[in-house]
C-alpha atoms as a PDB file:
ATOM      1  CA  MET A   1       0.000   0.000   0.000  1.00  0.00           C
ATOM      2  CA  GLN A   2       2.896   2.369   0.704  1.00  0.00           C
ATOM      3  CA  VAL A   3       4.021   2.083  -2.904  1.00  0.00           C
ATOM      4  CA  ILE A   4       0.653   3.392  -4.078  1.00  0.00           C
ATOM      5  CA  TYR A   5       0.970   6.436  -1.820  1.00  0.00           C
ATOM      6  CA  GLN A   6       4.508   7.026  -3.054  1.00  0.00           C
ATOM      7  CA  VAL A   7       3.408   6.877  -6.700  1.00  0.00           C
ATOM      8  CA  MET A   8       0.516   9.241  -5.978  1.00  0.00           C
ATOM      9  CA  ALA A   9       2.867  11.663  -4.162  1.00  0.00           C
ATOM     10  CA  ASP A  10       5.278  11.552  -7.091  1.00  0.00           C
ATOM     11  CA  GLY A  11       2.365  12.239  -9.442  1.00  0.00           C
ATOM     12  CA  ILE A  12       1.353  15.286  -7.390  1.00  0.00           C
ATOM     13  CA  LEU A  13       4.982  16.466  -7.432  1.00  0.00           C
ATOM     14  CA  LEU A  14       5.034  16.096 -11.217  1.00  0.00           C
ATOM     15  CA  LEU A  15       1.751  17.992 -11.520  1.00  0.00           C
ATOM     16  CA  HIS A  16       3.152  20.725  -9.277  1.00  0.00           C
ATOM     17  CA  ALA A  17       6.326  20.970 -11.349  1.00  0.00           C
ATOM     18  CA  LEU A  18       4.287  21.167 -14.559  1.00  0.00           C
ATOM     19  CA  PHE A  19       2.213  23.962 -13.018  1.00  0.00           C
ATOM     20  CA  ALA A  20       5.399  25.915 -12.205  1.00  0.00           C
ATOM     21  CA  VAL A  21       6.750  25.311 -15.717  1.00  0.00           C
ATOM     22  CA  PHE A  22       3.431  26.490 -17.183  1.00  0.00           C
ATOM     23  CA  VAL A  23       3.574  29.733 -15.184  1.00  0.00           C
ATOM     24  CA  VAL A  24       7.242  30.567 -15.774  1.00  0.00           C
ATOM     25  CA  GLY A  25       7.685  28.969 -19.194  1.00  0.00           C
ATOM     26  CA  GLY A  26       4.345  30.281 -20.382  1.00  0.00           C
ATOM     27  CA  GLN A  27       5.408  33.825 -19.571  1.00  0.00           C
ATOM     28  CA  ALA A  28       8.695  33.395 -21.414  1.00  0.00           C
ATOM     29  CA  LEU A  29       6.887  31.982 -24.444  1.00  0.00           C
ATOM     30  CA  ILE A  30       4.332  34.794 -24.429  1.00  0.00           C
ATOM     31  CA  VAL A  31       7.024  37.468 -24.534  1.00  0.00           C
ATOM     32  CA  LEU A  32       9.172  35.590 -27.061  1.00  0.00           C
ATOM     33  CA  GLY A  33       6.163  34.735 -29.208  1.00  0.00           C
ATOM     34  CA  ALA A  34       4.953  38.335 -29.208  1.00  0.00           C
ATOM     35  CA  TYR A  35       8.219  39.469 -30.740  1.00  0.00           C
ATOM     36  CA  LEU A  36       8.428  36.534 -33.154  1.00  0.00           C
ATOM     37  CA  GLY A  37       4.830  36.885 -34.318  1.00  0.00           C
ATOM     38  CA  TRP A  38       3.525  33.586 -32.942  1.00  0.00           C
ATOM     39  CA  LEU A  39      -0.260  33.812 -33.085  1.00  0.00           C
ATOM     40  CA  TRP A  40      -0.965  31.047 -30.576  1.00  0.00           C
ATOM     41  CA  ILE A  41       0.426  33.109 -27.682  1.00  0.00           C
ATOM     42  CA  ARG A  42      -2.548  35.434 -28.087  1.00  0.00           C
ATOM     43  CA  ASN A  43      -5.029  32.591 -27.577  1.00  0.00           C
ATOM     44  CA  ARG A  44      -7.552  33.937 -25.081  1.00  0.00           C
ATOM     45  CA  TRP A  45      -8.009  30.672 -23.137  1.00  0.00           C
ATOM     46  CA  PHE A  46      -4.281  30.049 -22.801  1.00  0.00           C
ATOM     47  CA  ARG A  47      -3.793  33.588 -21.520  1.00  0.00           C
ATOM     48  CA  ILE A  48      -6.745  33.407 -19.102  1.00  0.00           C
ATOM     49  CA  PHE A  49      -5.459  30.141 -17.605  1.00  0.00           C
ATOM     50  CA  HIS A  50      -1.957  31.616 -17.377  1.00  0.00           C
ATOM     51  CA  LEU A  51      -3.178  34.786 -15.668  1.00  0.00           C
ATOM     52  CA  CYS A  52      -5.357  32.801 -13.244  1.00  0.00           C
ATOM     53  CA  ALA A  53      -2.453  30.499 -12.384  1.00  0.00           C
ATOM     54  CA  ILE A  54      -0.172  33.346 -11.300  1.00  0.00           C
ATOM     55  CA  ILE A  55      -3.023  35.090  -9.464  1.00  0.00           C
ATOM     56  CA  ILE A  56      -3.524  31.929  -7.404  1.00  0.00           C
ATOM     57  CA  VAL A  57       0.196  31.786  -6.563  1.00  0.00           C
ATOM     58  CA  VAL A  58       0.341  35.460  -5.590  1.00  0.00           C
ATOM     59  CA  LEU A  59      -2.821  35.312  -3.455  1.00  0.00           C
ATOM     60  CA  GLN A  60      -1.616  32.192  -1.655  1.00  0.00           C
ATOM     61  CA  SER A  61       1.672  33.894  -0.826  1.00  0.00           C
ATOM     62  CA  TRP A  62      -0.052  37.061   0.413  1.00  0.00           C
ATOM     63  CA  VAL A  63      -2.289  35.151   2.809  1.00  0.00           C
ATOM     64  CA  SER A  64       0.494  32.733   3.835  1.00  0.00           C
ATOM     65  CA  VAL A  65      -1.308  29.644   2.593  1.00  0.00           C
ATOM     66  CA  ILE A  66       0.817  26.695   1.611  1.00  0.00           C
ATOM     67  CA  CYS A  67      -0.151  25.366  -1.799  1.00  0.00           C
ATOM     68  CA  PRO A  68      -2.739  22.564  -1.572  1.00  0.00           C
ATOM     69  CA  LEU A  69      -0.576  20.452  -3.889  1.00  0.00           C
ATOM     70  CA  THR A  70       2.292  20.720  -1.386  1.00  0.00           C
ATOM     71  CA  VAL A  71      -0.027  19.734   1.466  1.00  0.00           C
ATOM     72  CA  LEU A  72      -1.473  16.794  -0.472  1.00  0.00           C
ATOM     73  CA  GLU A  73       1.953  15.578  -1.521  1.00  0.00           C
ATOM     74  CA  GLY A  74       3.136  15.779   2.102  1.00  0.00           C
ATOM     75  CA  ARG A  75       0.198  13.733   3.335  1.00  0.00           C
ATOM     76  CA  LEU A  76       0.738  11.110   0.666  1.00  0.00           C
ATOM     77  CA  ARG A  77       4.457  10.920   1.473  1.00  0.00           C
ATOM     78  CA  ALA A  78       3.638  10.482   5.161  1.00  0.00           C
ATOM     79  CA  GLN A  79       1.257   7.640   4.245  1.00  0.00           C
ATOM     80  CA  ALA A  80       4.076   6.102   2.209  1.00  0.00           C
ATOM     81  CA  GLY A  81       6.417   6.347   5.192  1.00  0.00           C
ATOM     82  CA  GLN A  82       8.590   8.957   3.487  1.00  0.00           C
ATOM     83  CA  GLU A  83       9.940  12.191   4.864  1.00  0.00           C
ATOM     84  CA  HIS A  84       8.307  15.422   3.732  1.00  0.00           C
ATOM     85  CA  TYR A  85       9.942  18.820   3.346  1.00  0.00           C
ATOM     86  CA  GLU A  86       9.045  21.921   5.297  1.00  0.00           C
ATOM     87  CA  GLY A  87       7.837  25.198   3.810  1.00  0.00           C
ATOM     88  CA  THR A  88       6.460  25.843   0.362  1.00  0.00           C
ATOM     89  CA  PHE A  89       7.064  23.906  -2.827  1.00  0.00           C
ATOM     90  CA  MET A  90       9.121  26.719  -4.346  1.00  0.00           C
ATOM     91  CA  GLN A  91      11.156  27.288  -1.190  1.00  0.00           C
ATOM     92  CA  PHE A  92      12.068  23.627  -1.055  1.00  0.00           C
ATOM     93  CA  TRP A  93      13.105  23.349  -4.695  1.00  0.00           C
ATOM     94  CA  LEU A  94      14.894  26.694  -4.788  1.00  0.00           C
ATOM     95  CA  GLN A  95      16.841  25.669  -1.708  1.00  0.00           C
ATOM     96  CA  ARG A  96      17.574  22.262  -3.139  1.00  0.00           C
ATOM     97  CA  PHE A  97      18.708  23.411  -6.598  1.00  0.00           C
ATOM     98  CA  LEU A  98      20.156  26.811  -5.831  1.00  0.00           C
ATOM     99  CA  TYR A  99      21.230  26.325  -2.192  1.00  0.00           C
ATOM    100  CA  TYR A 100      19.459  29.566  -1.498  1.00  0.00           C
ATOM    101  CA  GLU A 101      17.678  30.399   1.715  1.00  0.00           C
ATOM    102  CA  ALA A 102      15.533  33.466   2.067  1.00  0.00           C
ATOM    103  CA  PRO A 103      12.778  34.696   4.308  1.00  0.00           C
ATOM    104  CA  MET A 104       9.235  34.189   3.102  1.00  0.00           C
ATOM    105  CA  TRP A 105       8.900  37.901   2.238  1.00  0.00           C
ATOM    106  CA  VAL A 106      11.474  37.399  -0.540  1.00  0.00           C
ATOM    107  CA  PHE A 107       9.346  34.716  -2.158  1.00  0.00           C
ATOM    108  CA  ILE A 108       6.200  36.824  -1.718  1.00  0.00           C
ATOM    109  CA  THR A 109       7.972  39.735  -3.424  1.00  0.00           C
ATOM    110  CA  VAL A 110       9.204  37.559  -6.303  1.00  0.00           C
ATOM    111  CA  TYR A 111       5.752  36.019  -6.824  1.00  0.00           C
ATOM    112  CA  THR A 112       4.124  39.448  -6.731  1.00  0.00           C
ATOM    113  CA  LEU A 113       6.598  41.009  -9.167  1.00  0.00           C
ATOM    114  CA  PHE A 114       6.215  38.059 -11.521  1.00  0.00           C
ATOM    115  CA  GLY A 115       2.436  38.409 -11.259  1.00  0.00           C
ATOM    116  CA  LEU A 116       2.731  42.092 -12.165  1.00  0.00           C
ATOM    117  CA  LEU A 117       4.883  41.117 -15.153  1.00  0.00           C
ATOM    118  CA  VAL A 118       2.130  38.758 -16.310  1.00  0.00           C
ATOM    119  CA  VAL A 119      -0.464  41.541 -15.985  1.00  0.00           C
ATOM    120  CA  VAL A 120       1.746  44.022 -17.875  1.00  0.00           C
ATOM    121  CA  THR A 121       2.299  41.415 -20.583  1.00  0.00           C
ATOM    122  CA  TRP A 122      -1.477  40.879 -20.785  1.00  0.00           C
ATOM    123  CA  PHE A 123      -1.946  44.549 -21.706  1.00  0.00           C
ATOM    124  CA  ARG A 124       1.233  44.897 -23.791  1.00  0.00           C
ATOM    125  CA  PHE A 125       0.480  41.775 -25.868  1.00  0.00           C
ATOM    126  CA  PRO A 126      -3.270  41.285 -25.374  1.00  0.00           C
ATOM    127  CA  PRO A 127      -5.018  38.033 -26.198  1.00  0.00           C
ATOM    128  CA  ARG A 128      -7.467  37.942 -29.089  1.00  0.00           C
END
């Protein structure tokens, strides 16, 4: 049974990583595509989902709510008998890959500034 929980936790981690890639990579593609004339980056639904995704991240950081995907993954890992990390998903992975520790206000600021960039991009390169 523990293997099932481990596989489910890994699936949630993958989903979480894909969400982060969608937010960050999507923004990069929107800006790049605007300058290269890619029409698909102006797709209204893509842009609405992208904007909503970063709004969720920013609001969660402002109200100090840990992402539900992080909480779910932690519970599944506990059920699998595995250790779970402390803090937010991004804090954990930034610390792991960049060996960088920062107070939560730094992450809130980064999320907020990135969210503002998404909003500016929305108006600079509006969807159709």
